[in-house]
Each structure stands twice: as C-alpha cells, then as structure tokens.
Amino acid sequence: MQKIKLGVIFGGMSTEHDVSIVSGTAVISNLNKEKYEIYPIYIDQDGDWYVYTNTNKVYQVGDKISNITKIDDVISYLKNLDVIFPVLHGLYGEDGTIQGLFELLKIPYVGCHVLASSVAMDKAYTKIIFEKAGLNQAKYLYIKAVNDGYVLVEKDFSEKKVSLDNICEIAKALKYPIFVKPSNSGSSVGIRKVNSDEELKLAIEYAAKFDNKILLEEQLVGREIECSVLGNNEVKASCVGEILPSDAFYSFDAKYKNAESKTIIPAQIEPNLEKEVQKMAIKAFKAIDGKGFSRVDFFVDDKKDKIYINEINTIPGFTQISMYPKLWEASGISYSELLDELIELAQKQY
C-alpha cells in the first residue's frame, strides 16, 4: 500500500509556540510509520518554515528545536503533500489563517475549516454564537481598546466610548471576582482574575497587550469539566474529564509547569450531567460549523445541576498528557488510532 504523504506542522508565531512544539512532536512520534510518509514542518516565532529531522526526541515546554533545515519554497513543498495535520495552537495557526492557505492550495487538512477556526479563536464571537445556540454561559462584558481609550460593545453591537472608571462601574453587575481575558488568546495567556477596581484596571491594560478585544466575565463556581468531540457530520463525544488546577484558575503555568495540577479521567460525575455535557459539546461544535475535532470546556455546578459552557478549542493540546487524547483513550481509542481517524476525516472532506 502506498504511504500517505503527511505534513505535520508545529511551532508558529503565537504565544503558544512552545506548547505547540510539545504537541507536534508527540503527534509525529505516535504516527503509524507504515501508513504515513511523514514530513515534519517547524515554523519559528518569526514565521520562517523549516524541515524538522529529529523525530525521536521527546520535548518539554521551553525546549528549543534543533535539527532543522530552512524551506526555500514553502508553497511547492506543501503541494507535494497528500494531507496536512496542523498542530499549531493560538494565533496564525488555530484562527483560520493557515487553514485559508491550505484551502487556496486545495490540500486536505485535519481539523476545523476557516470559519469555525476563526470564530472559536475569538472568545467574544464564540460567546455570540453560543448565545444564539441557547447554550448556558457566564455573564460578560465585551470591550475594545481603541486609540489609547476604550469602547464598550453592547449586545446589539452599538458602541460607546468609556473610561476605565466607567468600565469598573458597569462591571459591578458581574460582581467580583471577575476574569479579564484577551478575546484572541489561548492556553489562558493574558488572563487575570481580579477582586477590585484597581486590579480590574491593571488587568484590562495587561489583556490589551495581547488583543484589542477584551472580555470581562463573571466567575462561575463549579467543577472544571472537559469533553472531546470527533467527527465531521456525524459527531461523537468522549467521556468527560475534570481539571483540578493548582492555581486559582487553570492558568498557563498551572497547565504546563505545575505538577500539582491534576486531571481526573473519567470525571466522577452524575450520569445525567455527563450526558448533558456531551450533548452540549456536540451542539457547540456544530454551532461553529466544526469539522474533525475540538475540546469543549465547561463549568458544572452539580449542587444545582447547572452546566455552563466556557470555551471550545479547535486545536487542543496534543501532548501525551493532554486532555483531548486522554479522554479518547479512556473512551476506547488509543492515541495512534485517534490520529488515524483524524487523518481519515480530513480526507473525507475532499
């Protein structure tokens, strides 16, 4: 049988570059070498593309890539491939940008297409889609940093200029503590939890360093539950897992640097709540017109039987300990089998 020429792209220009290295190299090491002729591609933080040759090294967050050779003609290199597996987290990789390139080149690729990728990456617009879908979520405010000032975006998209003091006054409806999030950022980069007006002002200024669109969200009290989804038109959901963060919330450091953060798979949750989470995960995925795979995150208040959707990740972490593959492993699909299924789903779209 002729091997499939598979490109695996990792690294990238986002703040999640180092995590992408770990995910991408984990994918490469778990691919079936009898089925695929693997073309590992590394994008550095300046946006330069390289062939990566050291396919056996196991990377940790912060490790630097070696054994690379620059690709002179990226377009010609990509056109030689049968399928591409982008393992690029964050901006320029998960936001529809690189998916648009694959579309132009007419190359099948794993995962969500341009629309779903861009909508899911932008937390403000994800909120709007989820509202339309009737999915329960946290109350929020949507503001923009514009020309050294701020604009409040109303539910009907009308805008009005506001000061930081105005924002603090309006945000009282959410009640402290409040989470401040850049709209376009992943792995909890740029997010802060605040308990006062002064902290809120500083957090907004900090979030604006990552994106001019900023969300202020009420704190939800509940268990952090995650569910993996898989499919194109016929979508299935995995069992659910629970995050026990070491920090006040599941920050970047808690996810990747603090060994005290734990995951429980499967989560110890009432069967009726698990079924509802799975149902909501599939609905959220279809609402953004998702394809291939995503991980959907929730807060579950099991004292009140209340479920809130938090966000959807169209290229979730794919390290050996990441929730997405671990949930499918607990649901009966091994890491390597999962990769096979994702590649097959990509091919079926073309």
Protein backbone atom coordinates (compact mmCIF):
# COMPACT_ATOMS: atom_id res chain seq x y z
CA MET A 1 0.00 0.00 0.00
CA GLN A 2 1.30 3.42 -0.95
CA LYS A 3 2.05 5.60 2.06
CA ILE A 4 0.17 8.85 2.61
CA LYS A 5 2.44 11.90 2.41
CA LEU A 6 1.53 13.61 5.66
CA GLY A 7 2.79 17.03 6.72
CA VAL A 8 2.75 17.78 10.46
CA ILE A 9 3.16 21.49 11.17
CA PHE A 10 4.03 22.83 14.63
CA GLY A 11 5.67 25.79 16.39
CA GLY A 12 4.24 29.00 14.97
CA MET A 13 4.23 32.70 15.86
CA SER A 14 1.74 32.69 18.74
CA THR A 15 2.33 32.87 22.49
CA GLU A 16 1.69 29.10 22.49
CA HIS A 17 4.72 28.32 20.33
CA ASP A 18 6.44 26.18 22.99
CA VAL A 19 3.31 24.16 23.74
CA SER A 20 2.84 23.53 20.02
CA ILE A 21 6.35 22.05 19.84
CA VAL A 22 5.45 19.52 22.53
CA SER A 23 2.10 18.69 20.88
CA GLY A 24 3.53 18.48 17.36
CA THR A 25 6.47 16.25 18.22
CA ALA A 26 4.16 13.99 20.26
CA VAL A 27 1.90 13.57 17.22
CA ILE A 28 4.89 12.76 15.00
CA SER A 29 6.24 10.11 17.39
CA ASN A 30 2.83 8.38 17.62
CA LEU A 31 2.01 8.20 13.90
CA ASN A 32 1.99 4.81 12.21
CA LYS A 33 5.21 4.86 10.16
CA GLU A 34 3.90 2.04 7.97
CA LYS A 35 0.91 4.12 6.85
CA TYR A 36 2.46 7.57 6.55
CA GLU A 37 5.47 9.16 4.93
CA ILE A 38 5.89 11.92 7.49
CA TYR A 39 7.04 15.44 6.63
CA PRO A 40 7.59 17.30 9.93
CA ILE A 41 7.48 21.09 9.45
CA TYR A 42 8.53 23.60 12.09
CA ILE A 43 7.55 27.30 11.96
CA ASP A 44 9.69 29.54 14.14
CA GLN A 45 8.48 32.60 16.03
CA ASP A 46 9.47 34.88 13.15
CA GLY A 47 7.31 32.87 10.73
CA ASP A 48 10.13 31.07 8.89
CA TRP A 49 9.43 27.47 7.81
CA TYR A 50 11.83 24.55 8.35
CA VAL A 51 12.05 20.81 7.76
CA TYR A 52 12.48 19.11 11.14
CA THR A 53 14.52 15.89 11.16
CA ASN A 54 14.98 14.78 14.79
CA THR A 55 11.70 12.86 15.02
CA ASN A 56 12.54 10.77 18.09
CA LYS A 57 13.18 13.49 20.69
CA VAL A 58 10.55 13.97 23.41
CA TYR A 59 10.14 17.69 24.06
CA GLN A 60 9.08 19.55 27.19
CA VAL A 61 7.63 23.07 27.35
CA GLY A 62 10.53 25.51 26.92
CA ASP A 63 12.83 23.15 24.98
CA LYS A 64 14.29 24.65 21.82
CA ILE A 65 14.03 22.93 18.47
CA SER A 66 17.20 21.69 16.77
CA ASN A 67 17.96 19.65 13.63
CA ILE A 68 16.12 21.93 11.21
CA THR A 69 16.71 22.98 7.61
CA LYS A 70 15.04 26.05 6.12
CA ILE A 71 12.42 25.50 3.40
CA ASP A 72 13.14 27.85 0.48
CA ASP A 73 9.87 27.35 -1.42
CA VAL A 74 7.09 26.70 1.10
CA ILE A 75 4.26 26.54 -1.45
CA SER A 76 5.99 23.92 -3.62
CA TYR A 77 6.88 21.92 -0.51
CA LEU A 78 3.26 21.90 0.70
CA LYS A 79 1.87 20.99 -2.74
CA ASN A 80 3.85 17.75 -2.58
CA LEU A 81 1.78 16.57 0.40
CA ASP A 82 -1.42 14.49 0.42
CA VAL A 83 -2.71 15.68 3.82
CA ILE A 84 -1.61 18.25 6.40
CA PHE A 85 -2.00 17.94 10.16
CA PRO A 86 -1.63 21.41 11.70
CA VAL A 87 -0.70 21.22 15.38
CA LEU A 88 -0.45 24.98 15.75
CA HIS A 89 -2.06 26.48 18.85
CA GLY A 90 -3.19 30.09 19.02
CA LEU A 91 -2.91 32.94 16.53
CA TYR A 92 -1.79 32.23 12.95
CA GLY A 93 -2.40 28.52 13.45
CA GLU A 94 -5.73 27.96 15.15
CA ASP A 95 -7.55 31.10 13.98
CA GLY A 96 -8.28 30.21 10.36
CA THR A 97 -5.15 31.89 8.96
CA ILE A 98 -3.19 28.83 7.95
CA GLN A 99 -6.40 26.92 7.16
CA GLY A 100 -7.05 29.56 4.48
CA LEU A 101 -3.64 28.79 2.97
CA PHE A 102 -4.47 25.07 2.78
CA GLU A 103 -7.81 25.92 1.16
CA LEU A 104 -6.08 28.01 -1.51
CA LEU A 105 -3.66 25.18 -2.21
CA LYS A 106 -6.53 22.63 -2.22
CA ILE A 107 -4.73 20.35 0.24
CA PRO A 108 -6.83 18.27 2.68
CA TYR A 109 -6.05 19.09 6.31
CA VAL A 110 -7.01 17.86 9.76
CA GLY A 111 -9.44 19.86 11.83
CA CYS A 112 -11.81 22.78 11.59
CA HIS A 113 -12.00 24.95 8.49
CA VAL A 114 -11.60 28.72 8.25
CA LEU A 115 -14.94 29.88 9.69
CA ALA A 116 -15.02 27.55 12.69
CA SER A 117 -11.35 28.18 13.45
CA SER A 118 -11.67 31.96 13.40
CA VAL A 119 -14.94 32.05 15.37
CA ALA A 120 -13.67 29.66 18.07
CA MET A 121 -10.40 31.57 18.45
CA ASP A 122 -12.25 34.83 19.10
CA LYS A 123 -13.85 34.47 22.54
CA ALA A 124 -16.20 37.42 22.00
CA TYR A 125 -17.69 35.95 18.84
CA THR A 126 -17.79 32.46 20.31
CA LYS A 127 -19.98 33.93 23.06
CA ILE A 128 -22.33 35.40 20.46
CA ILE A 129 -22.65 32.06 18.61
CA PHE A 130 -23.24 30.19 21.88
CA GLU A 131 -25.94 32.68 22.86
CA LYS A 132 -27.70 32.06 19.54
CA ALA A 133 -27.42 28.30 20.14
CA GLY A 134 -29.03 28.67 23.55
CA LEU A 135 -26.03 27.36 25.47
CA ASN A 136 -25.78 28.47 29.09
CA GLN A 137 -22.64 30.53 29.79
CA ALA A 138 -21.13 33.17 32.09
CA LYS A 139 -22.37 36.75 32.03
CA TYR A 140 -19.86 39.03 30.35
CA LEU A 141 -18.92 42.46 29.03
CA TYR A 142 -17.18 43.00 25.72
CA ILE A 143 -14.84 45.98 25.38
CA LYS A 144 -12.25 47.16 22.86
CA ALA A 145 -9.02 49.04 23.40
CA VAL A 146 -9.04 51.75 20.71
CA ASN A 147 -6.63 54.69 20.25
CA ASP A 148 -5.46 54.80 23.88
CA GLY A 149 -9.06 54.57 25.07
CA TYR A 150 -11.81 52.01 25.44
CA VAL A 151 -15.12 51.21 23.76
CA LEU A 152 -17.98 49.18 25.25
CA VAL A 153 -19.67 46.93 22.69
CA GLU A 154 -23.36 46.47 23.51
CA LYS A 155 -25.38 43.33 22.78
CA ASP A 156 -26.77 44.96 19.61
CA PHE A 157 -23.18 45.88 18.54
CA SER A 158 -23.65 49.59 19.16
CA GLU A 159 -20.50 51.09 20.67
CA LYS A 160 -19.81 53.85 23.16
CA LYS A 161 -16.56 55.31 24.45
CA VAL A 162 -15.84 54.56 28.09
CA SER A 163 -13.07 55.20 30.59
CA LEU A 164 -11.57 52.60 32.89
CA ASP A 165 -13.62 54.14 35.70
CA ASN A 166 -16.79 53.74 33.60
CA ILE A 167 -15.90 50.09 32.97
CA CYS A 168 -15.44 49.47 36.70
CA GLU A 169 -18.88 50.94 37.34
CA ILE A 170 -20.54 48.86 34.60
CA ALA A 171 -18.67 45.72 35.71
CA LYS A 172 -20.33 45.85 39.15
CA ALA A 173 -23.18 43.89 37.58
CA LEU A 174 -20.80 40.93 37.20
CA LYS A 175 -19.63 41.13 40.85
CA TYR A 176 -16.07 40.40 41.94
CA PRO A 177 -14.11 38.26 41.38
CA ILE A 178 -14.08 38.91 37.62
CA PHE A 179 -11.98 37.25 34.92
CA VAL A 180 -10.37 39.51 32.32
CA LYS A 181 -9.46 37.77 29.06
CA PRO A 182 -7.96 38.82 25.73
CA SER A 183 -10.52 37.75 23.12
CA ASN A 184 -7.90 36.10 20.88
CA SER A 185 -5.51 34.12 23.04
CA GLY A 186 -5.08 30.51 24.07
CA SER A 187 -3.68 28.41 26.92
CA SER A 188 -5.00 31.06 29.34
CA VAL A 189 -2.32 33.54 28.18
CA GLY A 190 -3.11 37.11 29.24
CA ILE A 191 -5.94 36.13 31.60
CA ARG A 192 -6.21 37.55 35.11
CA LYS A 193 -8.64 37.07 37.98
CA VAL A 194 -9.37 40.34 39.80
CA ASN A 195 -11.06 41.31 43.04
CA SER A 196 -11.11 45.12 42.98
CA ASP A 197 -11.48 48.13 40.68
CA GLU A 198 -7.74 48.79 40.78
CA GLU A 199 -6.92 45.20 39.85
CA LEU A 200 -9.53 45.33 37.09
CA LYS A 201 -7.95 48.41 35.50
CA LEU A 202 -4.50 46.81 35.54
CA ALA A 203 -5.85 43.52 34.13
CA ILE A 204 -7.58 45.33 31.25
CA GLU A 205 -4.35 47.14 30.38
CA TYR A 206 -2.49 43.83 30.57
CA ALA A 207 -5.03 41.97 28.38
CA ALA A 208 -4.81 44.77 25.79
CA LYS A 209 -1.16 43.78 25.21
CA PHE A 210 -2.42 40.53 23.67
CA ASP A 211 -5.54 41.72 21.84
CA ASN A 212 -7.55 44.91 21.44
CA LYS A 213 -10.77 42.95 22.10
CA ILE A 214 -11.25 42.07 25.77
CA LEU A 215 -13.84 40.09 27.72
CA LEU A 216 -14.84 40.61 31.34
CA GLU A 217 -16.58 37.54 32.74
CA GLU A 218 -18.31 36.72 35.99
CA GLN A 219 -16.73 33.93 38.00
CA LEU A 220 -18.58 30.64 37.76
CA VAL A 221 -18.43 28.39 40.78
CA GLY A 222 -18.24 24.77 39.77
CA ARG A 223 -16.08 21.88 38.65
CA GLU A 224 -13.94 22.33 35.54
CA ILE A 225 -15.12 19.63 33.15
CA GLU A 226 -13.86 18.94 29.62
CA CYS A 227 -15.19 16.83 26.76
CA SER A 228 -13.60 15.84 23.44
CA VAL A 229 -15.58 15.67 20.20
CA LEU A 230 -14.68 13.89 16.97
CA GLY A 231 -16.28 13.83 13.54
CA ASN A 232 -17.44 15.82 10.52
CA ASN A 233 -21.19 15.49 10.02
CA GLU A 234 -21.66 12.55 12.39
CA VAL A 235 -20.07 13.78 15.63
CA LYS A 236 -19.35 11.74 18.75
CA ALA A 237 -18.34 12.82 22.23
CA SER A 238 -15.86 11.18 24.59
CA CYS A 239 -16.31 10.54 28.28
CA VAL A 240 -15.68 13.68 30.33
CA GLY A 241 -12.68 14.62 32.44
CA GLU A 242 -12.16 17.01 35.35
CA ILE A 243 -9.38 19.55 35.90
CA LEU A 244 -8.08 20.15 39.43
CA PRO A 245 -5.90 23.25 38.91
CA SER A 246 -3.07 24.04 41.29
CA ASP A 247 -3.67 27.80 40.90
CA ALA A 248 -6.75 29.94 41.49
CA PHE A 249 -7.69 29.11 37.90
CA TYR A 250 -6.24 26.93 35.16
CA SER A 251 -3.53 29.38 34.08
CA PHE A 252 -0.71 28.70 31.60
CA ASP A 253 1.66 27.79 34.44
CA ALA A 254 -0.94 25.55 36.08
CA LYS A 255 -1.45 23.73 32.77
CA TYR A 256 2.14 23.20 31.74
CA LYS A 257 4.55 23.96 34.58
CA ASN A 258 2.93 22.96 37.87
CA ALA A 259 2.95 19.25 38.60
CA GLU A 260 0.30 19.74 41.28
CA SER A 261 -2.41 20.35 38.66
CA LYS A 262 -4.30 17.10 38.12
CA THR A 263 -6.78 15.63 35.71
CA ILE A 264 -9.36 13.00 36.61
CA ILE A 265 -10.43 10.78 33.70
CA PRO A 266 -13.21 9.83 33.65
CA ALA A 267 -14.66 12.51 35.94
CA GLN A 268 -16.72 11.35 38.88
CA ILE A 269 -19.94 12.98 37.77
CA GLU A 270 -23.60 12.02 37.74
CA PRO A 271 -24.50 10.13 34.52
CA ASN A 272 -27.28 12.59 33.66
CA LEU A 273 -24.87 15.54 33.90
CA GLU A 274 -22.24 13.73 31.83
CA LYS A 275 -24.80 13.06 29.09
CA GLU A 276 -25.84 16.72 29.12
CA VAL A 277 -22.19 17.86 28.86
CA GLN A 278 -21.66 15.52 25.90
CA LYS A 279 -24.84 16.80 24.23
CA MET A 280 -23.79 20.43 24.75
CA ALA A 281 -20.26 19.73 23.48
CA ILE A 282 -21.61 18.33 20.21
CA LYS A 283 -24.07 21.22 19.87
CA ALA A 284 -21.31 23.80 20.42
CA PHE A 285 -19.09 22.07 17.84
CA LYS A 286 -21.89 22.06 15.26
CA ALA A 287 -22.86 25.65 16.11
CA ILE A 288 -19.46 26.91 14.96
CA ASP A 289 -19.58 24.52 11.94
CA GLY A 290 -16.73 22.44 13.36
CA LYS A 291 -15.00 19.63 11.47
CA GLY A 292 -12.59 16.95 12.63
CA PHE A 293 -12.06 17.58 16.32
CA SER A 294 -12.28 20.00 19.23
CA ARG A 295 -12.19 20.03 23.01
CA VAL A 296 -15.08 21.77 24.75
CA ASP A 297 -14.69 23.15 28.28
CA PHE A 298 -17.41 23.57 30.89
CA PHE A 299 -18.12 24.53 34.47
CA VAL A 300 -20.52 22.17 36.23
CA ASP A 301 -22.32 23.15 39.41
CA ASP A 302 -23.53 19.70 40.42
CA LYS A 303 -25.23 21.08 43.54
CA LYS A 304 -27.66 22.93 41.29
CA ASP A 305 -27.45 20.55 38.29
CA LYS A 306 -26.28 23.56 36.27
CA ILE A 307 -23.85 23.38 33.33
CA TYR A 308 -22.10 26.39 31.79
CA ILE A 309 -20.06 26.23 28.59
CA ASN A 310 -16.73 28.04 28.89
CA GLU A 311 -15.00 27.73 25.51
CA ILE A 312 -14.18 25.49 22.56
CA ASN A 313 -10.65 24.72 21.37
CA THR A 314 -10.30 23.68 17.73
CA ILE A 315 -6.66 22.57 18.05
CA PRO A 316 -6.42 21.44 21.67
CA GLY A 317 -3.22 20.28 23.29
CA PHE A 318 -1.94 17.02 21.84
CA THR A 319 0.87 16.17 24.24
CA GLN A 320 0.98 12.70 25.78
CA ILE A 321 -0.77 14.05 28.89
CA SER A 322 -3.22 16.42 27.15
CA MET A 323 -6.90 16.07 27.92
CA TYR A 324 -8.08 15.62 24.33
CA PRO A 325 -6.23 12.34 23.54
CA LYS A 326 -6.50 11.09 27.13
CA LEU A 327 -10.30 11.39 27.05
CA TRP A 328 -10.46 9.33 23.86
CA GLU A 329 -8.04 6.79 25.29
CA ALA A 330 -10.43 6.38 28.23
CA SER A 331 -13.25 6.05 25.70
CA GLY A 332 -11.52 3.20 23.87
CA ILE A 333 -9.49 4.93 21.13
CA SER A 334 -5.70 4.87 21.50
CA TYR A 335 -3.53 7.88 20.63
CA SER A 336 -2.30 6.34 17.35
CA GLU A 337 -5.82 5.18 16.39
CA LEU A 338 -7.11 8.68 17.10
CA LEU A 339 -4.52 10.18 14.74
CA ASP A 340 -5.58 7.70 12.03
CA GLU A 341 -9.23 8.65 12.45
CA LEU A 342 -8.49 12.39 12.29
CA ILE A 343 -6.47 11.98 9.09
CA GLU A 344 -9.25 9.87 7.58
CA LEU A 345 -11.81 12.55 8.49
CA ALA A 346 -9.63 15.15 6.76
CA GLN A 347 -9.52 13.09 3.57
CA LYS A 348 -13.30 12.57 3.60
CA GLN A 349 -13.87 16.31 3.36
CA TYR A 350 -12.35 16.44 -0.12
